[in-house]
Amino acid sequence: MNIGQIAKMAQQMQTQMAQAQQELAETTLEATAGGGAVRVVITGAQEVRNVEIDPSAIDPEEAEMLQDLVLSAVNEAISRSKELERERMGSIAGGMGIPGMPGLPGIG
């Protein structure tokens, strides 16, 4: 592999990564907690887009439990989003056939 081929591959990878990042920003994922009492929608770029709370879950005496459910749903949504990002970005580096780069370590 000569330097020209490596440069071309790097440019292709950069273009594909930019496309993947745009797709991640437009892709939404959903996570719930408490049997659906709390629902969080997040993008593949870890931007929370929506939090829904079932009115039946709102009890002033149980505020701490509701907070825990929201926290749990947000963390699960972030986890799913990071996994999607790892899959998309890793497939780009791995698909380019770059020796020593089966994926991109440190993403996530």
C-alpha atoms as a PDB file:
ATOM      1  CA  MET A   1       0.000   0.000   0.000  1.00  0.00           C
ATOM      2  CA  ASN A   2       1.546   3.322  -1.016  1.00  0.00           C
ATOM      3  CA  ILE A   3       1.136   6.720   0.601  1.00  0.00           C
ATOM      4  CA  GLY A   4      -1.345   7.844  -2.064  1.00  0.00           C
ATOM      5  CA  GLN A   5      -3.624   4.905  -1.338  1.00  0.00           C
ATOM      6  CA  ILE A   6      -3.421   5.571   2.381  1.00  0.00           C
ATOM      7  CA  ALA A   7      -4.292   9.247   1.858  1.00  0.00           C
ATOM      8  CA  LYS A   8      -7.231   8.300  -0.363  1.00  0.00           C
ATOM      9  CA  MET A   9      -8.467   5.792   2.231  1.00  0.00           C
ATOM     10  CA  ALA A  10      -8.152   8.412   4.983  1.00  0.00           C
ATOM     11  CA  GLN A  11     -10.172  10.898   2.923  1.00  0.00           C
ATOM     12  CA  GLN A  12     -12.870   8.270   2.259  1.00  0.00           C
ATOM     13  CA  MET A  13     -12.961   7.410   5.949  1.00  0.00           C
ATOM     14  CA  GLN A  14     -13.310  11.078   6.896  1.00  0.00           C
ATOM     15  CA  THR A  15     -16.225  11.487   4.472  1.00  0.00           C
ATOM     16  CA  GLN A  16     -17.922   8.326   5.746  1.00  0.00           C
ATOM     17  CA  MET A  17     -17.440   9.389   9.363  1.00  0.00           C
ATOM     18  CA  ALA A  18     -19.003  12.781   8.669  1.00  0.00           C
ATOM     19  CA  GLN A  19     -21.963  11.029   7.033  1.00  0.00           C
ATOM     20  CA  ALA A  20     -22.279   8.620   9.957  1.00  0.00           C
ATOM     21  CA  GLN A  21     -22.190  11.488  12.455  1.00  0.00           C
ATOM     22  CA  GLN A  22     -24.976  13.247  10.546  1.00  0.00           C
ATOM     23  CA  GLU A  23     -27.027  10.036  10.487  1.00  0.00           C
ATOM     24  CA  LEU A  24     -26.466   9.568  14.222  1.00  0.00           C
ATOM     25  CA  ALA A  25     -27.688  13.103  14.888  1.00  0.00           C
ATOM     26  CA  GLU A  26     -30.876  12.319  12.943  1.00  0.00           C
ATOM     27  CA  THR A  27     -31.479   8.827  14.348  1.00  0.00           C
ATOM     28  CA  THR A  28     -33.599   8.569  17.491  1.00  0.00           C
ATOM     29  CA  LEU A  29     -33.659   5.824  20.088  1.00  0.00           C
ATOM     30  CA  GLU A  30     -36.100   5.221  22.902  1.00  0.00           C
ATOM     31  CA  ALA A  31     -35.713   3.889  26.424  1.00  0.00           C
ATOM     32  CA  THR A  32     -38.292   3.390  29.143  1.00  0.00           C
ATOM     33  CA  ALA A  33     -38.293   2.728  32.873  1.00  0.00           C
ATOM     34  CA  GLY A  34     -40.897   1.718  35.396  1.00  0.00           C
ATOM     35  CA  GLY A  35     -42.837  -0.400  32.932  1.00  0.00           C
ATOM     36  CA  GLY A  36     -43.207   2.552  30.569  1.00  0.00           C
ATOM     37  CA  ALA A  37     -43.982   5.149  33.238  1.00  0.00           C
ATOM     38  CA  VAL A  38     -41.021   7.178  31.968  1.00  0.00           C
ATOM     39  CA  ARG A  39     -40.002   7.325  28.311  1.00  0.00           C
ATOM     40  CA  VAL A  40     -36.899   9.070  26.952  1.00  0.00           C
ATOM     41  CA  VAL A  41     -36.123   9.769  23.295  1.00  0.00           C
ATOM     42  CA  ILE A  42     -32.481  10.487  22.437  1.00  0.00           C
ATOM     43  CA  THR A  43     -30.498  10.912  19.235  1.00  0.00           C
ATOM     44  CA  GLY A  44     -27.540   8.803  18.241  1.00  0.00           C
ATOM     45  CA  ALA A  45     -25.461  11.882  19.100  1.00  0.00           C
ATOM     46  CA  GLN A  46     -26.631  11.721  22.753  1.00  0.00           C
ATOM     47  CA  GLU A  47     -29.021  14.674  22.553  1.00  0.00           C
ATOM     48  CA  VAL A  48     -32.135  14.077  24.659  1.00  0.00           C
ATOM     49  CA  ARG A  49     -35.104  15.058  22.517  1.00  0.00           C
ATOM     50  CA  ASN A  50     -38.057  14.162  24.699  1.00  0.00           C
ATOM     51  CA  VAL A  51     -38.944  12.968  28.192  1.00  0.00           C
ATOM     52  CA  GLU A  52     -42.473  11.700  28.792  1.00  0.00           C
ATOM     53  CA  ILE A  53     -43.885  10.847  32.203  1.00  0.00           C
ATOM     54  CA  ASP A  54     -47.122   8.952  32.564  1.00  0.00           C
ATOM     55  CA  PRO A  55     -49.408  11.083  34.776  1.00  0.00           C
ATOM     56  CA  SER A  56     -50.150   8.041  36.912  1.00  0.00           C
ATOM     57  CA  ALA A  57     -46.465   8.012  37.925  1.00  0.00           C
ATOM     58  CA  ILE A  58     -46.693  11.511  39.386  1.00  0.00           C
ATOM     59  CA  ASP A  59     -47.267  11.169  43.098  1.00  0.00           C
ATOM     60  CA  PRO A  60     -45.903  13.930  45.358  1.00  0.00           C
ATOM     61  CA  GLU A  61     -45.259  11.303  48.023  1.00  0.00           C
ATOM     62  CA  GLU A  62     -43.091   9.304  45.594  1.00  0.00           C
ATOM     63  CA  ALA A  63     -41.012  12.074  43.991  1.00  0.00           C
ATOM     64  CA  GLU A  64     -37.740  10.256  44.710  1.00  0.00           C
ATOM     65  CA  MET A  65     -38.954   7.131  42.924  1.00  0.00           C
ATOM     66  CA  LEU A  66     -39.963   9.192  39.868  1.00  0.00           C
ATOM     67  CA  GLN A  67     -36.555  10.873  39.842  1.00  0.00           C
ATOM     68  CA  ASP A  68     -34.912   7.447  39.894  1.00  0.00           C
ATOM     69  CA  LEU A  69     -37.080   6.294  36.983  1.00  0.00           C
ATOM     70  CA  VAL A  70     -36.170   9.369  34.922  1.00  0.00           C
ATOM     71  CA  LEU A  71     -32.491   8.880  35.705  1.00  0.00           C
ATOM     72  CA  SER A  72     -32.694   5.207  34.779  1.00  0.00           C
ATOM     73  CA  ALA A  73     -34.439   5.901  31.465  1.00  0.00           C
ATOM     74  CA  VAL A  74     -31.983   8.666  30.515  1.00  0.00           C
ATOM     75  CA  ASN A  75     -28.975   6.495  31.320  1.00  0.00           C
ATOM     76  CA  GLU A  76     -30.398   3.575  29.335  1.00  0.00           C
ATOM     77  CA  ALA A  77     -31.063   5.871  26.367  1.00  0.00           C
ATOM     78  CA  ILE A  78     -27.491   7.204  26.494  1.00  0.00           C
ATOM     79  CA  SER A  79     -26.138   3.662  26.686  1.00  0.00           C
ATOM     80  CA  ARG A  80     -28.137   2.619  23.607  1.00  0.00           C
ATOM     81  CA  SER A  81     -27.018   5.737  21.760  1.00  0.00           C
ATOM     82  CA  LYS A  82     -23.349   5.093  22.520  1.00  0.00           C
ATOM     83  CA  GLU A  83     -23.668   1.480  21.373  1.00  0.00           C
ATOM     84  CA  LEU A  84     -25.206   2.644  18.084  1.00  0.00           C
ATOM     85  CA  GLU A  85     -22.349   5.130  17.671  1.00  0.00           C
ATOM     86  CA  ARG A  86     -19.730   2.424  18.333  1.00  0.00           C
ATOM     87  CA  GLU A  87     -21.364   0.144  15.760  1.00  0.00           C
ATOM     88  CA  ARG A  88     -21.569   2.822  13.067  1.00  0.00           C
ATOM     89  CA  MET A  89     -18.099   4.269  13.574  1.00  0.00           C
ATOM     90  CA  GLY A  90     -16.435   0.895  14.094  1.00  0.00           C
ATOM     91  CA  SER A  91     -17.870  -0.450  10.867  1.00  0.00           C
ATOM     92  CA  ILE A  92     -16.327   2.468   8.975  1.00  0.00           C
ATOM     93  CA  ALA A  93     -12.796   1.888  10.249  1.00  0.00           C
ATOM     94  CA  GLY A  94     -13.110  -1.883   9.990  1.00  0.00           C
ATOM     95  CA  GLY A  95     -14.622  -1.670   6.526  1.00  0.00           C
ATOM     96  CA  MET A  96     -11.697   0.376   5.235  1.00  0.00           C
ATOM     97  CA  GLY A  97      -9.314  -2.518   5.882  1.00  0.00           C
ATOM     98  CA  ILE A  98      -6.838  -0.343   7.736  1.00  0.00           C
ATOM     99  CA  PRO A  99      -4.336  -2.603   9.502  1.00  0.00           C
ATOM    100  CA  GLY A 100      -4.470  -2.259  13.256  1.00  0.00           C
ATOM    101  CA  MET A 101      -7.795  -0.402  13.201  1.00  0.00           C
ATOM    102  CA  PRO A 102     -10.635  -2.911  13.502  1.00  0.00           C
ATOM    103  CA  GLY A 103     -12.700  -0.146  15.090  1.00  0.00           C
ATOM    104  CA  LEU A 104     -12.156   3.192  16.697  1.00  0.00           C
ATOM    105  CA  PRO A 105     -11.147   2.789  20.316  1.00  0.00           C
ATOM    106  CA  GLY A 106     -12.306   5.425  22.728  1.00  0.00           C
ATOM    107  CA  ILE A 107     -15.588   6.275  21.029  1.00  0.00           C
ATOM    108  CA  GLY A 108     -18.344   6.318  23.567  1.00  0.00           C
END
